[in-house]
Amino acid sequence: MIKEYCENAHIVIIRADTYGSQLSMLEAFYTEALEDFPNLTREDCKVVHYAGRRYKGYFGIEFESKYCPDNYERVSNLEDTL
């Protein structure tokens, strides 16, 4: 599981580090996000299928936040999505 924060867009990204599309994997991403963002709701999250060069075919969740803990890797751009 990879946790990133795009400071330019204020988007938190939690995604797989392997291929997979099981509902249980998406649930694990949401559970992980709740540890750092306890007020997060399912409606806040967008399920994302990545299409960029680096993570093509991977799934994750994304949501907006002005705050992000320091343990999230900072990225400057969002990956392309389907």
N, C-alpha and C. Protein backbone atom coordinates (compact mmCIF):
# COMPACT_ATOMS: atom_id res chain seq x y z
N MET A 1 0.85 -1.17 0.00
CA MET A 1 0.00 0.00 0.00
C MET A 1 0.90 1.24 0.00
N ILE A 2 0.58 2.14 -0.89
CA ILE A 2 1.37 3.36 -1.02
C ILE A 2 0.49 4.55 -0.67
N LYS A 3 1.02 5.44 0.17
CA LYS A 3 0.27 6.62 0.62
C LYS A 3 1.01 7.87 0.14
N GLU A 4 0.29 8.72 -0.62
CA GLU A 4 0.88 9.92 -1.19
C GLU A 4 -0.05 11.11 -0.97
N TYR A 5 0.53 12.29 -1.13
CA TYR A 5 -0.25 13.53 -1.03
C TYR A 5 0.22 14.47 -2.12
N CYS A 6 -0.70 14.89 -2.98
CA CYS A 6 -0.39 15.87 -4.02
C CYS A 6 -0.70 17.25 -3.45
N GLU A 7 0.35 17.97 -3.07
CA GLU A 7 0.18 19.28 -2.43
C GLU A 7 -0.44 20.30 -3.38
N ASN A 8 -0.16 20.19 -4.68
CA ASN A 8 -0.70 21.15 -5.64
C ASN A 8 -2.22 21.07 -5.73
N ALA A 9 -2.77 19.86 -5.63
CA ALA A 9 -4.21 19.65 -5.80
C ALA A 9 -4.93 19.38 -4.48
N HIS A 10 -4.17 19.24 -3.38
CA HIS A 10 -4.73 18.89 -2.07
C HIS A 10 -5.50 17.56 -2.14
N ILE A 11 -4.87 16.55 -2.77
CA ILE A 11 -5.48 15.24 -2.93
C ILE A 11 -4.63 14.20 -2.21
N VAL A 12 -5.29 13.40 -1.37
CA VAL A 12 -4.65 12.27 -0.71
C VAL A 12 -4.87 11.05 -1.59
N ILE A 13 -3.83 10.26 -1.75
CA ILE A 13 -3.85 9.08 -2.61
C ILE A 13 -3.42 7.88 -1.78
N ILE A 14 -4.24 6.84 -1.78
CA ILE A 14 -3.85 5.57 -1.17
C ILE A 14 -4.10 4.52 -2.24
N ARG A 15 -3.03 3.84 -2.65
CA ARG A 15 -3.15 2.94 -3.79
C ARG A 15 -2.35 1.67 -3.59
N ALA A 16 -2.64 0.73 -4.47
CA ALA A 16 -1.95 -0.56 -4.42
C ALA A 16 -0.52 -0.43 -4.92
N ASP A 17 0.31 -1.33 -4.45
CA ASP A 17 1.67 -1.42 -5.00
C ASP A 17 1.80 -2.67 -5.87
N THR A 18 0.66 -3.32 -6.13
CA THR A 18 0.58 -4.47 -7.03
C THR A 18 -0.75 -4.41 -7.78
N TYR A 19 -0.87 -5.21 -8.82
CA TYR A 19 -2.14 -5.29 -9.53
C TYR A 19 -3.17 -5.96 -8.64
N GLY A 20 -4.41 -5.57 -8.79
CA GLY A 20 -5.51 -6.19 -8.05
C GLY A 20 -6.72 -5.29 -8.10
N SER A 21 -7.90 -5.90 -8.04
CA SER A 21 -9.12 -5.11 -8.11
C SER A 21 -10.20 -5.63 -7.18
N GLN A 22 -9.82 -6.35 -6.14
CA GLN A 22 -10.79 -6.89 -5.21
C GLN A 22 -11.40 -5.78 -4.35
N LEU A 23 -12.66 -5.95 -4.04
CA LEU A 23 -13.35 -5.01 -3.17
C LEU A 23 -12.68 -4.94 -1.80
N SER A 24 -12.17 -6.06 -1.33
CA SER A 24 -11.49 -6.09 -0.02
C SER A 24 -10.25 -5.20 -0.02
N MET A 25 -9.59 -5.07 -1.15
CA MET A 25 -8.42 -4.21 -1.24
C MET A 25 -8.84 -2.74 -1.09
N LEU A 26 -9.92 -2.36 -1.76
CA LEU A 26 -10.42 -0.99 -1.63
C LEU A 26 -10.87 -0.71 -0.20
N GLU A 27 -11.47 -1.69 0.43
CA GLU A 27 -11.89 -1.55 1.83
C GLU A 27 -10.66 -1.35 2.73
N ALA A 28 -9.57 -2.05 2.43
CA ALA A 28 -8.34 -1.89 3.21
C ALA A 28 -7.77 -0.48 3.05
N PHE A 29 -7.86 0.09 1.85
CA PHE A 29 -7.40 1.46 1.63
C PHE A 29 -8.22 2.43 2.48
N TYR A 30 -9.53 2.23 2.49
CA TYR A 30 -10.42 3.11 3.26
C TYR A 30 -10.13 2.98 4.76
N THR A 31 -9.94 1.77 5.23
CA THR A 31 -9.63 1.54 6.65
C THR A 31 -8.32 2.21 7.03
N GLU A 32 -7.33 2.12 6.16
CA GLU A 32 -6.04 2.79 6.40
C GLU A 32 -6.22 4.30 6.45
N ALA A 33 -7.01 4.84 5.54
CA ALA A 33 -7.25 6.29 5.50
C ALA A 33 -7.93 6.76 6.78
N LEU A 34 -8.84 5.96 7.32
CA LEU A 34 -9.55 6.34 8.54
C LEU A 34 -8.62 6.53 9.73
N GLU A 35 -7.51 5.82 9.75
CA GLU A 35 -6.55 5.97 10.84
C GLU A 35 -5.97 7.38 10.88
N ASP A 36 -5.75 7.96 9.72
CA ASP A 36 -5.17 9.30 9.63
C ASP A 36 -6.21 10.40 9.44
N PHE A 37 -7.38 10.04 8.96
CA PHE A 37 -8.46 10.99 8.68
C PHE A 37 -9.76 10.45 9.27
N PRO A 38 -9.93 10.52 10.59
CA PRO A 38 -11.07 9.86 11.25
C PRO A 38 -12.45 10.39 10.84
N ASN A 39 -12.54 11.58 10.27
CA ASN A 39 -13.83 12.13 9.84
C ASN A 39 -14.15 11.81 8.38
N LEU A 40 -13.31 11.05 7.73
CA LEU A 40 -13.50 10.69 6.34
C LEU A 40 -14.72 9.79 6.18
N THR A 41 -15.53 10.05 5.17
CA THR A 41 -16.66 9.18 4.88
C THR A 41 -16.41 8.47 3.55
N ARG A 42 -17.15 7.41 3.31
CA ARG A 42 -17.03 6.70 2.04
C ARG A 42 -17.38 7.61 0.87
N GLU A 43 -18.33 8.51 1.09
CA GLU A 43 -18.76 9.43 0.04
C GLU A 43 -17.66 10.42 -0.34
N ASP A 44 -16.70 10.65 0.56
CA ASP A 44 -15.57 11.55 0.28
C ASP A 44 -14.56 10.92 -0.68
N CYS A 45 -14.57 9.60 -0.77
CA CYS A 45 -13.53 8.86 -1.51
C CYS A 45 -13.97 8.55 -2.94
N LYS A 46 -12.99 8.64 -3.82
CA LYS A 46 -13.20 8.28 -5.22
C LYS A 46 -12.33 7.06 -5.51
N VAL A 47 -12.93 6.01 -6.06
CA VAL A 47 -12.16 4.84 -6.50
C VAL A 47 -11.52 5.19 -7.83
N VAL A 48 -10.23 4.94 -7.93
CA VAL A 48 -9.46 5.37 -9.10
C VAL A 48 -8.75 4.17 -9.73
N HIS A 49 -8.83 4.11 -11.06
CA HIS A 49 -8.09 3.12 -11.85
C HIS A 49 -7.02 3.90 -12.61
N TYR A 50 -5.77 3.66 -12.29
CA TYR A 50 -4.68 4.45 -12.84
C TYR A 50 -4.32 4.00 -14.26
N ALA A 51 -3.97 4.99 -15.10
CA ALA A 51 -3.68 4.71 -16.50
C ALA A 51 -2.34 5.29 -16.94
N GLY A 52 -1.62 5.91 -16.02
CA GLY A 52 -0.33 6.52 -16.37
C GLY A 52 0.76 5.50 -16.57
N ARG A 53 1.91 5.98 -16.94
CA ARG A 53 3.05 5.10 -17.24
C ARG A 53 3.51 4.30 -16.03
N ARG A 54 3.54 4.92 -14.87
CA ARG A 54 4.11 4.26 -13.69
C ARG A 54 3.17 3.26 -13.04
N TYR A 55 1.88 3.53 -13.02
CA TYR A 55 0.95 2.71 -12.24
C TYR A 55 -0.23 2.22 -13.06
N LYS A 56 -0.04 2.04 -14.35
CA LYS A 56 -1.13 1.61 -15.24
C LYS A 56 -1.72 0.29 -14.76
N GLY A 57 -3.04 0.27 -14.60
CA GLY A 57 -3.73 -0.94 -14.18
C GLY A 57 -3.90 -1.09 -12.68
N TYR A 58 -3.30 -0.22 -11.89
CA TYR A 58 -3.42 -0.29 -10.44
C TYR A 58 -4.69 0.46 -10.00
N PHE A 59 -5.21 0.10 -8.84
CA PHE A 59 -6.37 0.77 -8.26
C PHE A 59 -5.99 1.48 -6.97
N GLY A 60 -6.80 2.45 -6.59
CA GLY A 60 -6.60 3.15 -5.33
C GLY A 60 -7.81 4.00 -5.00
N ILE A 61 -7.68 4.76 -3.94
CA ILE A 61 -8.71 5.74 -3.59
C ILE A 61 -8.04 7.11 -3.50
N GLU A 62 -8.81 8.14 -3.78
CA GLU A 62 -8.34 9.52 -3.64
C GLU A 62 -9.42 10.34 -2.98
N PHE A 63 -9.00 11.35 -2.21
CA PHE A 63 -9.95 12.28 -1.59
C PHE A 63 -9.23 13.58 -1.31
N GLU A 64 -10.02 14.65 -1.19
CA GLU A 64 -9.47 15.98 -0.95
C GLU A 64 -9.19 16.19 0.53
N SER A 65 -8.10 16.89 0.82
CA SER A 65 -7.77 17.27 2.19
C SER A 65 -6.73 18.39 2.16
N LYS A 66 -6.94 19.40 2.95
CA LYS A 66 -5.96 20.49 3.06
C LYS A 66 -4.80 20.10 3.98
N TYR A 67 -5.02 19.04 4.77
CA TYR A 67 -4.02 18.55 5.73
C TYR A 67 -3.64 17.12 5.36
N CYS A 68 -2.39 16.79 5.60
CA CYS A 68 -1.94 15.41 5.41
C CYS A 68 -0.77 15.13 6.35
N PRO A 69 -0.79 13.98 7.03
CA PRO A 69 0.32 13.65 7.93
C PRO A 69 1.66 13.55 7.19
N ASP A 70 2.72 13.69 7.93
CA ASP A 70 4.07 13.68 7.35
C ASP A 70 4.49 12.33 6.77
N ASN A 71 3.81 11.24 7.16
CA ASN A 71 4.22 9.92 6.68
C ASN A 71 3.71 9.61 5.26
N TYR A 72 3.03 10.56 4.63
CA TYR A 72 2.60 10.40 3.24
C TYR A 72 3.67 11.03 2.34
N GLU A 73 4.05 10.29 1.30
CA GLU A 73 5.03 10.82 0.36
C GLU A 73 4.42 11.99 -0.41
N ARG A 74 5.15 13.05 -0.53
CA ARG A 74 4.68 14.22 -1.27
C ARG A 74 4.99 14.04 -2.74
N VAL A 75 3.97 14.27 -3.59
CA VAL A 75 4.14 14.21 -5.04
C VAL A 75 3.65 15.52 -5.64
N SER A 76 4.19 15.89 -6.77
CA SER A 76 3.83 17.19 -7.35
C SER A 76 2.71 17.08 -8.39
N ASN A 77 2.47 15.88 -8.92
CA ASN A 77 1.44 15.71 -9.94
C ASN A 77 0.62 14.46 -9.66
N LEU A 78 -0.63 14.49 -10.13
CA LEU A 78 -1.48 13.32 -10.04
C LEU A 78 -1.22 12.41 -11.22
N GLU A 79 -1.32 11.12 -10.99
CA GLU A 79 -1.17 10.12 -12.05
C GLU A 79 -2.41 10.16 -12.96
N ASP A 80 -2.23 9.86 -14.24
CA ASP A 80 -3.37 9.77 -15.16
C ASP A 80 -4.30 8.64 -14.71
N THR A 81 -5.60 8.86 -14.89
CA THR A 81 -6.60 7.86 -14.49
C THR A 81 -7.55 7.59 -15.65
N LEU A 82 -8.24 6.46 -15.54
CA LEU A 82 -9.28 6.13 -16.53
C LEU A 82 -10.58 6.76 -16.10
